[in-house]
């Protein structure tokens, strides 16, 4: 069961686990208020892990290990590489913010960040219901602790409680769904589950009704993790209440892991039921685009606005997952799921830049979390206003930025189906994008045309300045030449169907 190949599939996770424990121990001797040594060691660890995952991914090999419970494939490896880089950028942006708010009394921000990333890695690599669930629990338990890291802050504590209660409910949904699918198919292994379902009544161990009910609970649990309507209640409250550095930790890299488990469970495990789950995802997507975009318009708080924006963006991403199997024809799968992967990767890149600017503008005793706090930013710092404007235009889907091509690739996948229902969904998505453009462009107007309300100098370390500049440049450059990343996502997803 455990051969040499099994160890190869788990080397990055083993390295991450060992280094998380080492950093937790070494941090006990660190006296610096900004945890300099812990910070550098964490970034080095994340850099090495990202390089290792990139090397695995570029080899293009798919390796099954640990008795088929873990898979190392190009899609998973690229998502893990991007997740490690996203966590790295998050810690660069969030360190000064956390230090000013007494969140670095110990190195918990760094060690919990590494354990959360380990949870994402296990989720992405899992090819078995229980492995995926274990990864999910490691990520969510680390996230609950991170949200509550400012122990003396009432808002953060309240957000952590809401997140914990609703997160436990969603985990219950997911586990209940998995147990029902196991009861109907007699296996926890995704490949075996798919075989049992594809064989119909002859190969199922339980009734088809139990299987369908299990699917409903699975989709409900996944919808919560993505934060789509009607399982979105936690998103605005947690985004608003959590310290901004932790908000980015929850709103960035975990979206990549959430996308991965949706593909693993629904595409690799339950593809024969695509007709059923695509209908559910269509309802979730339409409601998310409606509620997310219209609710965001009413927000004066920047973090709440971005929370509702996230709901709408995840709804748009789900549209790509709808168009994989059309009336029993699976020929559009690689194109559709590749477009969704491209969308979620570019969304995370843009979110990092957006929150990077918000973290930069926050200082000791002041949270830059209202839209009015960005008034006149262009007069205070043209560079940071430019990065924020590029990110907003990208989220709105304005060419030639990467967000435009992300939306275009999803719409193209819908139109490629040549089905009137999907073409109608594409038209609806475009109309909702127009609504969304209002609140993104409103922020640009506030930065460039309103008088500044803050006069304090914007102080940023060289690491934050350089990373933020690269982040903004990537949103622009990947929009001008999106072909490389698009091809990478398409190739990574097509490896699932070889």
Foldseek 3Di string as FASTA:
>chain_A
DADPLQCVLCVLLVLLVVLLVVLQVVQVPDDDLLSVVSLVSLLVSLVVSLVSLVVLLVVQDWTAGDVNFFINGNLLSNLLSLLSVLLNLLCQLCSQLCSLLSLVPTPLVSSLLSQLSSLLSQLLGGQFLVSNLVSVVSNLVSLLCQLCSSVPAPLSPVLSVVSVVLLVVLSVLQVQLLVLLCQFQVGRGQQSLQVQVVVPPVRTNDDVVSNLSSVVSNLSSLCLLLLFPPNNVSQLSSLVRGRLSSSLSSLASSNSSSLSNCCSCCVSRPVVCLVSVLVVLLVRLLRLLVQLLVVLVPDQWQSSSVSSLSNNLSSLLSLLVNLQADPNDRPLNLLSSLLSSLSNSLLNLLSSLQSSLQSLLAGNPGRSTGLLQLAQVCVQPVLSLLLLLLSLCLSLLHPLFSNVVSSVSNLVSLVVSVDPVSPVVSVSSVVSSVSNNVSSVVSNCRRHPGDHPDDDHRDHDPSSVVVSNVSSVCRRVCSVVVPVSSVSSSSSSVSSVD
